PDB file of N, CA and C in Angstrom:
ATOM      1  N   MET A   1      25.370-190.142-175.386  1.00  0.00           N
ATOM      2  CA  MET A   1      25.384-188.953-174.461  1.00  0.00           C
ATOM      3  C   MET A   1      23.742-189.040-173.783  1.00  0.00           C
ATOM      4  N   HIS A   2      23.910-188.974-172.440  1.00  0.00           N
ATOM      5  CA  HIS A   2      22.449-189.156-171.757  1.00  0.00           C
ATOM      6  C   HIS A   2      21.946-187.746-171.731  1.00  0.00           C
ATOM      7  N   PRO A   3      20.892-187.332-171.760  1.00  0.00           N
ATOM      8  CA  PRO A   3      20.485-185.588-171.822  1.00  0.00           C
ATOM      9  C   PRO A   3      20.691-185.075-170.501  1.00  0.00           C
ATOM     10  N   LYS A   4      20.848-185.783-169.279  1.00  0.00           N
ATOM     11  CA  LYS A   4      21.093-184.990-168.039  1.00  0.00           C
ATOM     12  C   LYS A   4      22.578-184.953-167.548  1.00  0.00           C
ATOM     13  N   ASP A   5      23.629-185.701-168.806  1.00  0.00           N
ATOM     14  CA  ASP A   5      24.798-185.208-168.440  1.00  0.00           C
ATOM     15  C   ASP A   5      25.296-183.930-169.399  1.00  0.00           C
ATOM     16  N   ARG A   6      24.547-183.321-169.965  1.00  0.00           N
ATOM     17  CA  ARG A   6      24.635-182.171-171.103  1.00  0.00           C
ATOM     18  C   ARG A   6      25.175-181.010-170.283  1.00  0.00           C
ATOM     19  N   GLY A   7      26.738-180.333-170.365  1.00  0.00           N
ATOM     20  CA  GLY A   7      27.014-179.455-169.358  1.00  0.00           C
ATOM     21  C   GLY A   7      27.727-179.556-168.128  1.00  0.00           C
ATOM     22  N   SER A   8      27.817-181.043-167.934  1.00  0.00           N
ATOM     23  CA  SER A   8      28.520-181.279-166.866  1.00  0.00           C
ATOM     24  C   SER A   8      29.835-181.288-166.426  1.00  0.00           C
ATOM     25  N   ALA A   9      30.493-180.993-167.775  1.00  0.00           N
ATOM     26  CA  ALA A   9      31.986-180.964-167.858  1.00  0.00           C
ATOM     27  C   ALA A   9      32.051-179.684-167.512  1.00  0.00           C
ATOM     28  N   THR A  10      31.558-178.561-167.888  1.00  0.00           N
ATOM     29  CA  THR A  10      31.494-177.109-167.454  1.00  0.00           C
ATOM     30  C   THR A  10      31.493-176.996-165.846  1.00  0.00           C
ATOM     31  N   LEU A  11      30.693-177.471-165.193  1.00  0.00           N
ATOM     32  CA  LEU A  11      30.733-177.309-164.004  1.00  0.00           C
ATOM     33  C   LEU A  11      32.114-178.109-163.184  1.00  0.00           C
ATOM     34  N   TRP A  12      32.488-179.309-163.625  1.00  0.00           N
ATOM     35  CA  TRP A  12      33.518-180.154-163.394  1.00  0.00           C
ATOM     36  C   TRP A  12      34.799-178.994-163.833  1.00  0.00           C
ATOM     37  N   GLY A  13      34.680-178.394-164.734  1.00  0.00           N
ATOM     38  CA  GLY A  13      35.758-177.470-165.029  1.00  0.00           C
ATOM     39  C   GLY A  13      35.878-176.389-164.160  1.00  0.00           C
ATOM     40  N   VAL A  14      34.672-175.682-163.651  1.00  0.00           N
ATOM     41  CA  VAL A  14      34.483-174.791-162.954  1.00  0.00           C
ATOM     42  C   VAL A  14      35.093-174.688-161.659  1.00  0.00           C
ATOM     43  N   ALA A  15      34.526-176.504-161.021  1.00  0.00           N
ATOM     44  CA  ALA A  15      35.110-176.654-159.672  1.00  0.00           C
ATOM     45  C   ALA A  15      36.601-176.806-159.636  1.00  0.00           C
ATOM     46  N   LEU A  16      37.019-177.660-160.527  1.00  0.00           N
ATOM     47  CA  LEU A  16      38.608-177.772-160.573  1.00  0.00           C
ATOM     48  C   LEU A  16      38.968-176.266-160.832  1.00  0.00           C
ATOM     49  N   MET A  17      38.832-175.358-161.440  1.00  0.00           N
ATOM     50  CA  MET A  17      39.237-174.087-161.784  1.00  0.00           C
ATOM     51  C   MET A  17      39.385-173.752-160.041  1.00  0.00           C
ATOM     52  N   GLY A  18      38.220-173.565-159.147  1.00  0.00           N
ATOM     53  CA  GLY A  18      37.714-173.021-157.834  1.00  0.00           C
ATOM     54  C   GLY A  18      38.931-173.582-157.225  1.00  0.00           C
ATOM     55  N   LEU A  19      39.393-175.013-157.300  1.00  0.00           N
ATOM     56  CA  LEU A  19      40.402-175.615-156.217  1.00  0.00           C
ATOM     57  C   LEU A  19      41.373-175.168-156.520  1.00  0.00           C
ATOM     58  N   LEU A  20      41.936-175.218-158.262  1.00  0.00           N
ATOM     59  CA  LEU A  20      43.048-174.531-158.181  1.00  0.00           C
ATOM     60  C   LEU A  20      43.591-173.316-157.536  1.00  0.00           C
ATOM     61  N   MET A  21      42.241-172.385-157.589  1.00  0.00           N
ATOM     62  CA  MET A  21      42.630-171.153-157.382  1.00  0.00           C
ATOM     63  C   MET A  21      42.856-170.928-155.819  1.00  0.00           C
ATOM     64  N   ALA A  22      42.044-171.730-155.218  1.00  0.00           N
ATOM     65  CA  ALA A  22      42.304-172.098-153.559  1.00  0.00           C
ATOM     66  C   ALA A  22      43.512-172.258-153.128  1.00  0.00           C
ATOM     67  N   THR A  23      43.943-173.301-154.136  1.00  0.00           N
ATOM     68  CA  THR A  23      45.514-173.942-153.470  1.00  0.00           C
ATOM     69  C   THR A  23      46.353-173.063-153.820  1.00  0.00           C
ATOM     70  N   ALA A  24      46.189-172.180-155.313  1.00  0.00           N
ATOM     71  CA  ALA A  24      47.574-171.118-155.433  1.00  0.00           C
ATOM     72  C   ALA A  24      47.573-170.018-154.160  1.00  0.00           C
ATOM     73  N   THR A  25      46.296-169.367-153.655  1.00  0.00           N
ATOM     74  CA  THR A  25      45.959-168.693-152.810  1.00  0.00           C
ATOM     75  C   THR A  25      46.705-168.924-151.611  1.00  0.00           C
ATOM     76  N   ALA A  26      46.414-170.399-151.208  1.00  0.00           N
ATOM     77  CA  ALA A  26      47.105-170.603-150.020  1.00  0.00           C
ATOM     78  C   ALA A  26      48.624-170.802-150.159  1.00  0.00           C
ATOM     79  N   LEU A  27      49.242-171.192-151.473  1.00  0.00           N
ATOM     80  CA  LEU A  27      50.380-171.435-151.258  1.00  0.00           C
ATOM     81  C   LEU A  27      50.938-170.036-151.253  1.00  0.00           C
ATOM     82  N   ALA A  28      50.604-169.012-152.250  1.00  0.00           N
ATOM     83  CA  ALA A  28      50.906-167.668-151.895  1.00  0.00           C
ATOM     84  C   ALA A  28      50.895-166.938-150.637  1.00  0.00           C
ATOM     85  N   THR A  29      49.925-167.496-149.639  1.00  0.00           N
ATOM     86  CA  THR A  29      50.172-166.791-148.531  1.00  0.00           C
ATOM     87  C   THR A  29      50.928-167.648-147.579  1.00  0.00           C
ATOM     88  N   VAL A  30      51.398-168.673-147.541  1.00  0.00           N
ATOM     89  CA  VAL A  30      52.130-169.068-146.756  1.00  0.00           C
ATOM     90  C   VAL A  30      53.598-168.745-147.503  1.00  0.00           C
ATOM     91  N   GLY A  31      54.036-168.151-148.711  1.00  0.00           N
ATOM     92  CA  GLY A  31      55.215-167.847-149.331  1.00  0.00           C
ATOM     93  C   GLY A  31      55.171-166.611-148.677  1.00  0.00           C
ATOM     94  N   SER A  32      54.295-165.549-148.270  1.00  0.00           N
ATOM     95  CA  SER A  32      54.217-164.277-148.336  1.00  0.00           C
ATOM     96  C   SER A  32      54.815-164.179-146.470  1.00  0.00           C
ATOM     97  N   VAL A  33      54.189-165.256-145.876  1.00  0.00           N
ATOM     98  CA  VAL A  33      54.493-165.180-144.607  1.00  0.00           C
ATOM     99  C   VAL A  33      56.053-165.477-144.238  1.00  0.00           C
ATOM    100  N   ARG A  34      56.412-166.591-144.909  1.00  0.00           N
ATOM    101  CA  ARG A  34      57.763-167.136-144.756  1.00  0.00           C
ATOM    102  C   ARG A  34      58.864-165.890-145.121  1.00  0.00           C
ATOM    103  N   VAL A  35      58.487-165.314-146.594  1.00  0.00           N
ATOM    104  CA  VAL A  35      59.639-164.288-146.667  1.00  0.00           C
ATOM    105  C   VAL A  35      59.269-162.935-145.355  1.00  0.00           C
ATOM    106  N   ALA A  36      58.257-163.023-144.859  1.00  0.00           N
ATOM    107  CA  ALA A  36      58.324-161.634-144.318  1.00  0.00           C
ATOM    108  C   ALA A  36      58.922-162.222-143.019  1.00  0.00           C
ATOM    109  N   ARG A  37      59.073-163.304-142.600  1.00  0.00           N
ATOM    110  CA  ARG A  37      59.575-164.074-141.432  1.00  0.00           C
ATOM    111  C   ARG A  37      61.189-164.010-141.403  1.00  0.00           C
ATOM    112  N   HIS A  38      61.744-164.554-142.958  1.00  0.00           N
ATOM    113  CA  HIS A  38      62.690-164.279-143.280  1.00  0.00           C
ATOM    114  C   HIS A  38      63.586-162.931-142.990  1.00  0.00           C
ATOM    115  N   ARG A  39      62.375-162.158-143.672  1.00  0.00           N
ATOM    116  CA  ARG A  39      63.220-160.522-143.572  1.00  0.00           C
ATOM    117  C   ARG A  39      62.944-159.786-142.118  1.00  0.00           C
ATOM    118  N   VAL A  40      62.043-160.170-141.494  1.00  0.00           N
ATOM    119  CA  VAL A  40      62.175-159.708-139.904  1.00  0.00           C
ATOM    120  C   VAL A  40      63.481-160.156-139.092  1.00  0.00           C
ATOM    121  N   ASN A  41      63.723-161.235-138.854  1.00  0.00           N
ATOM    122  CA  ASN A  41      64.533-162.119-138.488  1.00  0.00           C
ATOM    123  C   ASN A  41      66.042-161.271-138.992  1.00  0.00           C
ATOM    124  N   SER A  42      66.169-161.201-140.448  1.00  0.00           N
ATOM    125  CA  SER A  42      67.494-160.749-140.663  1.00  0.00           C
ATOM    126  C   SER A  42      67.458-159.405-140.440  1.00  0.00           C
ATOM    127  N   ALA A  43      66.582-158.750-140.640  1.00  0.00           N
ATOM    128  CA  ALA A  43      66.708-157.281-139.971  1.00  0.00           C
ATOM    129  C   ALA A  43      66.908-156.966-138.389  1.00  0.00           C
ATOM    130  N   ALA A  44      66.692-157.983-137.779  1.00  0.00           N
ATOM    131  CA  ALA A  44      66.770-158.060-136.305  1.00  0.00           C
ATOM    132  C   ALA A  44      68.218-158.409-135.684  1.00  0.00           C
ATOM    133  N   ASP A  45      68.730-159.539-136.816  1.00  0.00           N
ATOM    134  CA  ASP A  45      70.235-160.109-136.658  1.00  0.00           C
ATOM    135  C   ASP A  45      71.210-158.638-137.025  1.00  0.00           C
ATOM    136  N   LEU A  46      70.723-158.238-138.224  1.00  0.00           N
ATOM    137  CA  LEU A  46      71.485-156.901-138.564  1.00  0.00           C
ATOM    138  C   LEU A  46      71.671-155.894-137.763  1.00  0.00           C
ATOM    139  N   SER A  47      70.428-155.486-137.051  1.00  0.00           N
ATOM    140  CA  SER A  47      70.239-154.586-136.345  1.00  0.00           C
ATOM    141  C   SER A  47      71.182-154.920-135.064  1.00  0.00           C
ATOM    142  N   ALA A  48      70.896-155.795-134.177  1.00  0.00           N
ATOM    143  CA  ALA A  48      71.725-156.647-133.418  1.00  0.00           C
ATOM    144  C   ALA A  48      73.399-156.288-133.421  1.00  0.00           C
ATOM    145  N   LEU A  49      73.966-156.637-134.664  1.00  0.00           N
ATOM    146  CA  LEU A  49      74.961-156.558-134.579  1.00  0.00           C
ATOM    147  C   LEU A  49      74.985-155.118-135.002  1.00  0.00           C
ATOM    148  N   ALA A  50      75.036-154.355-135.323  1.00  0.00           N
ATOM    149  CA  ALA A  50      75.245-152.918-135.673  1.00  0.00           C
ATOM    150  C   ALA A  50      75.178-152.484-134.075  1.00  0.00           C
ATOM    151  N   ALA A  51      74.170-152.523-133.298  1.00  0.00           N
ATOM    152  CA  ALA A  51      73.960-152.023-131.975  1.00  0.00           C
ATOM    153  C   ALA A  51      75.051-152.625-131.095  1.00  0.00           C
ATOM    154  N   ALA A  52      75.706-154.203-131.349  1.00  0.00           N
ATOM    155  CA  ALA A  52      76.519-154.533-130.402  1.00  0.00           C
ATOM    156  C   ALA A  52      77.972-154.006-130.724  1.00  0.00           C
ATOM    157  N   LYS A  53      78.224-153.522-131.833  1.00  0.00           N
ATOM    158  CA  LYS A  53      79.313-152.782-132.222  1.00  0.00           C
ATOM    159  C   LYS A  53      79.527-151.679-131.511  1.00  0.00           C
ATOM    160  N   LEU A  54      78.702-151.034-131.077  1.00  0.00           N
ATOM    161  CA  LEU A  54      78.649-149.435-130.318  1.00  0.00           C
ATOM    162  C   LEU A  54      78.257-149.802-129.091  1.00  0.00           C
ATOM    163  N   ALA A  55      77.838-150.935-128.492  1.00  0.00           N
ATOM    164  CA  ALA A  55      77.010-150.759-127.058  1.00  0.00           C
ATOM    165  C   ALA A  55      77.944-150.607-126.197  1.00  0.00           C
ATOM    166  N   LEU A  56      79.424-150.606-125.900  1.00  0.00           N
ATOM    167  CA  LEU A  56      80.265-150.032-124.989  1.00  0.00           C
ATOM    168  C   LEU A  56      80.270-148.473-125.052  1.00  0.00           C
ATOM    169  N   ILE A  57      80.304-148.148-126.180  1.00  0.00           N
ATOM    170  CA  ILE A  57      80.984-146.732-126.706  1.00  0.00           C
ATOM    171  C   ILE A  57      80.042-145.897-126.748  1.00  0.00           C
ATOM    172  N   ASP A  58      78.793-146.019-127.321  1.00  0.00           N
ATOM    173  CA  ASP A  58      77.667-145.178-127.254  1.00  0.00           C
ATOM    174  C   ASP A  58      76.426-146.028-126.977  1.00  0.00           C
ATOM    175  N   PRO A  59      75.892-146.440-125.961  1.00  0.00           N
ATOM    176  CA  PRO A  59      74.617-147.183-125.904  1.00  0.00           C
ATOM    177  C   PRO A  59      73.493-146.547-126.604  1.00  0.00           C
ATOM    178  N   GLU A  60      73.113-145.327-126.321  1.00  0.00           N
ATOM    179  CA  GLU A  60      71.714-144.904-127.009  1.00  0.00           C
ATOM    180  C   GLU A  60      71.982-144.677-128.407  1.00  0.00           C
ATOM    181  N   GLY A  61      73.269-144.111-128.722  1.00  0.00           N
ATOM    182  CA  GLY A  61      73.643-144.440-130.212  1.00  0.00           C
ATOM    183  C   GLY A  61      73.304-145.441-130.900  1.00  0.00           C
ATOM    184  N   ALA A  62      73.708-146.728-130.181  1.00  0.00           N
ATOM    185  CA  ALA A  62      73.688-148.006-130.667  1.00  0.00           C
ATOM    186  C   ALA A  62      72.028-148.461-130.786  1.00  0.00           C
ATOM    187  N   CYS A  63      71.162-148.270-130.122  1.00  0.00           N
ATOM    188  CA  CYS A  63      70.040-148.441-130.274  1.00  0.00           C
ATOM    189  C   CYS A  63      69.444-147.503-131.440  1.00  0.00           C
ATOM    190  N   HIS A  64      70.042-146.372-131.429  1.00  0.00           N
ATOM    191  CA  HIS A  64      69.425-145.226-132.836  1.00  0.00           C
ATOM    192  C   HIS A  64      69.934-146.270-133.907  1.00  0.00           C
ATOM    193  N   ARG A  65      71.202-146.569-133.974  1.00  0.00           N
ATOM    194  CA  ARG A  65      71.876-147.176-135.064  1.00  0.00           C
ATOM    195  C   ARG A  65      70.930-148.276-135.656  1.00  0.00           C
ATOM    196  N   ALA A  66      70.627-149.092-134.392  1.00  0.00           N
ATOM    197  CA  ALA A  66      69.821-150.534-134.740  1.00  0.00           C
ATOM    198  C   ALA A  66      68.432-150.083-135.288  1.00  0.00           C
ATOM    199  N   SER A  67      67.800-148.921-134.980  1.00  0.00           N
ATOM    200  CA  SER A  67      66.564-148.637-135.496  1.00  0.00           C
ATOM    201  C   SER A  67      66.694-148.120-136.924  1.00  0.00           C
ATOM    202  N   GLU A  68      67.579-147.260-137.204  1.00  0.00           N
ATOM    203  CA  GLU A  68      67.617-146.771-138.529  1.00  0.00           C
ATOM    204  C   GLU A  68      67.975-147.826-139.370  1.00  0.00           C
ATOM    205  N   LEU A  69      69.011-149.022-139.361  1.00  0.00           N
ATOM    206  CA  LEU A  69      69.088-150.313-139.794  1.00  0.00           C
ATOM    207  C   LEU A  69      68.076-151.172-140.345  1.00  0.00           C
ATOM    208  N   ALA A  70      67.183-151.099-139.185  1.00  0.00           N
ATOM    209  CA  ALA A  70      65.865-152.298-139.135  1.00  0.00           C
ATOM    210  C   ALA A  70      64.896-151.239-140.445  1.00  0.00           C
ATOM    211  N   ALA A  71      64.730-149.841-140.174  1.00  0.00           N
ATOM    212  CA  ALA A  71      63.705-149.128-141.220  1.00  0.00           C
ATOM    213  C   ALA A  71      64.577-149.320-142.565  1.00  0.00           C
ATOM    214  N   ALA A  72      66.036-149.119-142.519  1.00  0.00           N
ATOM    215  CA  ALA A  72      66.211-149.416-143.708  1.00  0.00           C
ATOM    216  C   ALA A  72      66.428-150.939-144.692  1.00  0.00           C
ATOM    217  N   ASN A  73      65.872-151.563-143.992  1.00  0.00           N
ATOM    218  CA  ASN A  73      65.338-153.028-144.234  1.00  0.00           C
ATOM    219  C   ASN A  73      63.891-153.238-144.323  1.00  0.00           C
ATOM    220  N   GLY A  74      63.218-152.220-144.109  1.00  0.00           N
ATOM    221  CA  GLY A  74      61.679-152.258-143.951  1.00  0.00           C
ATOM    222  C   GLY A  74      60.874-152.591-143.310  1.00  0.00           C
ATOM    223  N   VAL A  75      61.642-152.711-141.610  1.00  0.00           N
ATOM    224  CA  VAL A  75      60.658-153.245-140.555  1.00  0.00           C
ATOM    225  C   VAL A  75      60.779-152.061-139.645  1.00  0.00           C
ATOM    226  N   LYS A  76      60.066-152.567-138.398  1.00  0.00           N
ATOM    227  CA  LYS A  76      60.259-151.513-137.293  1.00  0.00           C
ATOM    228  C   LYS A  76      60.975-152.067-136.033  1.00  0.00           C
ATOM    229  N   LEU A  77      61.911-151.267-135.498  1.00  0.00           N
ATOM    230  CA  LEU A  77      62.685-152.097-134.478  1.00  0.00           C
ATOM    231  C   LEU A  77      61.671-151.669-133.183  1.00  0.00           C
ATOM    232  N   THR A  78      61.260-152.551-132.850  1.00  0.00           N
ATOM    233  CA  THR A  78      60.131-152.156-131.326  1.00  0.00           C
ATOM    234  C   THR A  78      60.777-152.140-129.861  1.00  0.00           C
ATOM    235  N   ASP A  79      61.998-152.678-129.758  1.00  0.00           N
ATOM    236  CA  ASP A  79      62.685-152.474-128.501  1.00  0.00           C
ATOM    237  C   ASP A  79      63.775-152.923-129.045  1.00  0.00           C
ATOM    238  N   CYS A  80      64.711-152.256-128.071  1.00  0.00           N
ATOM    239  CA  CYS A  80      66.438-152.595-127.923  1.00  0.00           C
ATOM    240  C   CYS A  80      66.959-152.190-126.520  1.00  0.00           C
ATOM    241  N   GLN A  81      67.559-153.610-126.229  1.00  0.00           N
ATOM    242  CA  GLN A  81      67.866-153.335-124.566  1.00  0.00           C
ATOM    243  C   GLN A  81      69.309-153.764-124.496  1.00  0.00           C
ATOM    244  N   ILE A  82      69.922-153.112-123.815  1.00  0.00           N
ATOM    245  CA  ILE A  82      71.821-152.948-123.823  1.00  0.00           C
ATOM    246  C   ILE A  82      72.186-153.594-122.416  1.00  0.00           C
ATOM    247  N   LYS A  83      72.441-154.965-122.113  1.00  0.00           N
ATOM    248  CA  LYS A  83      72.790-155.050-120.912  1.00  0.00           C
ATOM    249  C   LYS A  83      74.449-155.313-120.919  1.00  0.00           C
ATOM    250  N   ASP A  84      75.351-154.700-120.251  1.00  0.00           N
ATOM    251  CA  ASP A  84      76.478-154.936-120.138  1.00  0.00           C
ATOM    252  C   ASP A  84      77.097-154.566-121.716  1.00  0.00           C
ATOM    253  N   ASP A  85      77.588-155.563-122.385  1.00  0.00           N
ATOM    254  CA  ASP A  85      77.889-155.746-123.315  1.00  0.00           C
ATOM    255  C   ASP A  85      76.876-156.555-124.783  1.00  0.00           C
ATOM    256  N   VAL A  86      75.968-157.003-124.374  1.00  0.00           N
ATOM    257  CA  VAL A  86      75.003-157.725-125.105  1.00  0.00           C
ATOM    258  C   VAL A  86      73.640-156.753-125.566  1.00  0.00           C
ATOM    259  N   VAL A  87      73.566-156.999-126.301  1.00  0.00           N
ATOM    260  CA  VAL A  87      72.200-156.278-127.225  1.00  0.00           C
ATOM    261  C   VAL A  87      71.180-156.983-127.353  1.00  0.00           C
ATOM    262  N   ASP A  88      70.129-156.826-127.096  1.00  0.00           N
ATOM    263  CA  ASP A  88      68.715-157.559-127.770  1.00  0.00           C
ATOM    264  C   ASP A  88      67.856-156.733-128.374  1.00  0.00           C
ATOM    265  N   VAL A  89      67.607-156.969-129.219  1.00  0.00           N
ATOM    266  CA  VAL A  89      66.625-156.349-130.386  1.00  0.00           C
ATOM    267  C   VAL A  89      65.282-156.867-130.783  1.00  0.00           C
ATOM    268  N   TRP A  90      64.016-156.393-130.934  1.00  0.00           N
ATOM    269  CA  TRP A  90      62.736-156.961-131.339  1.00  0.00           C
ATOM    270  C   TRP A  90      62.540-156.066-132.405  1.00  0.00           C
ATOM    271  N   THR A  91      62.102-156.698-133.535  1.00  0.00           N
ATOM    272  CA  THR A  91      61.664-156.049-134.612  1.00  0.00           C
ATOM    273  C   THR A  91      60.183-156.634-134.786  1.00  0.00           C
ATOM    274  N   GLU A  92      59.375-155.861-135.806  1.00  0.00           N
ATOM    275  CA  GLU A  92      58.224-156.478-136.221  1.00  0.00           C
ATOM    276  C   GLU A  92      57.819-155.842-137.961  1.00  0.00           C
ATOM    277  N   LEU A  93      56.926-156.521-138.182  1.00  0.00           N
ATOM    278  CA  LEU A  93      56.645-156.386-139.749  1.00  0.00           C
ATOM    279  C   LEU A  93      54.982-156.435-139.670  1.00  0.00           C
ATOM    280  N   PRO A  94      53.989-155.646-140.182  1.00  0.00           N
ATOM    281  CA  PRO A  94      52.668-155.952-140.599  1.00  0.00           C
ATOM    282  C   PRO A  94      52.717-156.490-141.888  1.00  0.00           C
ATOM    283  N   ILE A  95      51.980-157.524-142.019  1.00  0.00           N
ATOM    284  CA  ILE A  95      51.759-158.570-143.630  1.00  0.00           C
ATOM    285  C   ILE A  95      50.540-157.973-143.362  1.00  0.00           C
ATOM    286  N   SER A  96      49.663-157.974-144.816  1.00  0.00           N
ATOM    287  CA  SER A  96      48.026-158.203-145.060  1.00  0.00           C
ATOM    288  C   SER A  96      48.186-159.590-145.910  1.00  0.00           C
ATOM    289  N   LEU A  97      47.131-160.327-145.053  1.00  0.00           N
ATOM    290  CA  LEU A  97      46.948-161.664-145.618  1.00  0.00           C
ATOM    291  C   LEU A  97      45.552-162.079-146.111  1.00  0.00           C
ATOM    292  N   PRO A  98      45.388-162.358-147.408  1.00  0.00           N
ATOM    293  CA  PRO A  98      43.759-162.638-147.908  1.00  0.00           C
ATOM    294  C   PRO A  98      43.179-163.439-146.853  1.00  0.00           C
ATOM    295  N   LEU A  99      42.067-163.152-146.805  1.00  0.00           N
ATOM    296  CA  LEU A  99      40.757-163.752-145.568  1.00  0.00           C
ATOM    297  C   LEU A  99      41.325-163.346-144.346  1.00  0.00           C
ATOM    298  N   LEU A 100      42.774-163.251-143.532  1.00  0.00           N
ATOM    299  CA  LEU A 100      43.034-163.143-142.583  1.00  0.00           C
ATOM    300  C   LEU A 100      43.159-161.796-141.863  1.00  0.00           C
ATOM    301  N   GLY A 101      43.394-160.591-142.687  1.00  0.00           N
ATOM    302  CA  GLY A 101      43.289-159.465-142.639  1.00  0.00           C
ATOM    303  C   GLY A 101      44.773-159.190-142.173  1.00  0.00           C
ATOM    304  N   THR A 102      45.094-158.133-141.402  1.00  0.00           N
ATOM    305  CA  THR A 102      46.492-157.415-141.260  1.00  0.00           C
ATOM    306  C   THR A 102      47.196-158.647-140.287  1.00  0.00           C
ATOM    307  N   ARG A 103      47.959-158.795-140.051  1.00  0.00           N
ATOM    308  CA  ARG A 103      49.261-159.816-138.871  1.00  0.00           C
ATOM    309  C   ARG A 103      50.251-158.961-138.979  1.00  0.00           C
ATOM    310  N   THR A 104      50.879-159.431-137.745  1.00  0.00           N
ATOM    311  CA  THR A 104      52.233-158.700-137.444  1.00  0.00           C
ATOM    312  C   THR A 104      53.049-159.974-137.083  1.00  0.00           C
ATOM    313  N   VAL A 105      54.325-160.308-137.686  1.00  0.00           N
ATOM    314  CA  VAL A 105      55.409-161.057-137.565  1.00  0.00           C
ATOM    315  C   VAL A 105      56.590-160.274-137.328  1.00  0.00           C
ATOM    316  N   GLN A 106      56.926-161.245-135.866  1.00  0.00           N
ATOM    317  CA  GLN A 106      57.982-160.762-134.945  1.00  0.00           C
ATOM    318  C   GLN A 106      59.204-161.343-135.147  1.00  0.00           C
ATOM    319  N   GLY A 107      60.207-160.484-134.961  1.00  0.00           N
ATOM    320  CA  GLY A 107      61.693-161.062-135.075  1.00  0.00           C
ATOM    321  C   GLY A 107      62.251-160.610-133.660  1.00  0.00           C
ATOM    322  N   ARG A 108      63.297-161.456-133.271  1.00  0.00           N
ATOM    323  CA  ARG A 108      64.215-160.957-132.022  1.00  0.00           C
ATOM    324  C   ARG A 108      65.667-161.638-132.201  1.00  0.00           C
ATOM    325  N   SER A 109      66.140-160.992-131.661  1.00  0.00           N
ATOM    326  CA  SER A 109      68.122-161.220-132.180  1.00  0.00           C
ATOM    327  C   SER A 109      68.574-160.735-130.947  1.00  0.00           C
ATOM    328  N   ARG A 110      69.795-161.232-130.694  1.00  0.00           N
ATOM    329  CA  ARG A 110      70.921-160.873-129.701  1.00  0.00           C
ATOM    330  C   ARG A 110      72.217-161.053-129.692  1.00  0.00           C
ATOM    331  N   ALA A 111      72.958-159.789-129.664  1.00  0.00           N
ATOM    332  CA  ALA A 111      74.321-160.034-130.135  1.00  0.00           C
ATOM    333  C   ALA A 111      75.491-159.378-129.211  1.00  0.00           C
ATOM    334  N   GLY A 112      76.281-159.779-129.197  1.00  0.00           N
ATOM    335  CA  GLY A 112      77.391-159.454-128.200  1.00  0.00           C
ATOM    336  C   GLY A 112      78.761-160.037-128.740  1.00  0.00           C
ATOM    337  N   PRO A 113      79.743-159.828-127.595  1.00  0.00           N
ATOM    338  CA  PRO A 113      80.940-160.387-128.240  1.00  0.00           C
ATOM    339  C   PRO A 113      81.437-161.918-128.192  1.00  0.00           C
ATOM    340  N   SER A 114      82.177-162.558-128.756  1.00  0.00           N
ATOM    341  CA  SER A 114      82.346-163.600-128.219  1.00  0.00           C
ATOM    342  C   SER A 114      83.342-164.033-127.372  1.00  0.00           C
ATOM    343  N   THR A 115      83.260-165.054-126.301  1.00  0.00           N
ATOM    344  CA  THR A 115      83.991-165.485-125.250  1.00  0.00           C
ATOM    345  C   THR A 115      84.816-166.252-125.614  1.00  0.00           C
ATOM    346  N   SER A 116      86.325-166.283-125.592  1.00  0.00           N
ATOM    347  CA  SER A 116      87.305-167.145-125.838  1.00  0.00           C
ATOM    348  C   SER A 116      87.378-168.169-124.738  1.00  0.00           C
ATOM    349  N   THR A 117      87.414-169.525-124.833  1.00  0.00           N
ATOM    350  CA  THR A 117      87.431-170.507-123.662  1.00  0.00           C
ATOM    351  C   THR A 117      88.847-171.114-123.881  1.00  0.00           C
ATOM    352  N   SER A 118      89.640-170.554-124.694  1.00  0.00           N
ATOM    353  CA  SER A 118      90.971-171.168-125.005  1.00  0.00           C
ATOM    354  C   SER A 118      92.140-170.615-123.959  1.00  0.00           C
ATOM    355  N   ASN A 119      93.143-171.358-123.265  1.00  0.00           N
ATOM    356  CA  ASN A 119      93.511-171.494-122.068  1.00  0.00           C
ATOM    357  C   ASN A 119      94.774-170.425-122.562  1.00  0.00           C
TER     358      ASN A 119
END
């Protein structure tokens, strides 16, 4: 063993551990964003369906119900619009990411009656 090589395995080990930590952090961040995206879109879908069910009967109650359902799913309903019998809802969820700070993930969904094209 050459005297200058003493302790080099420790440095390589530390460098490898740093690389593994950076990779794990990146994968965890991507996973968090994907989970948040699914959560905000699912809440938007459910809220739009709930509001569409009440859109013609009680338009204001429909958006209130959509807001309650979004909150029950852990997201915030930011907008609810009813045009005729079609409901558009927008949801958002703030998430905290390492090194990037707080970001907001947004979702949107539209629901209304299906139209039959059969004669």
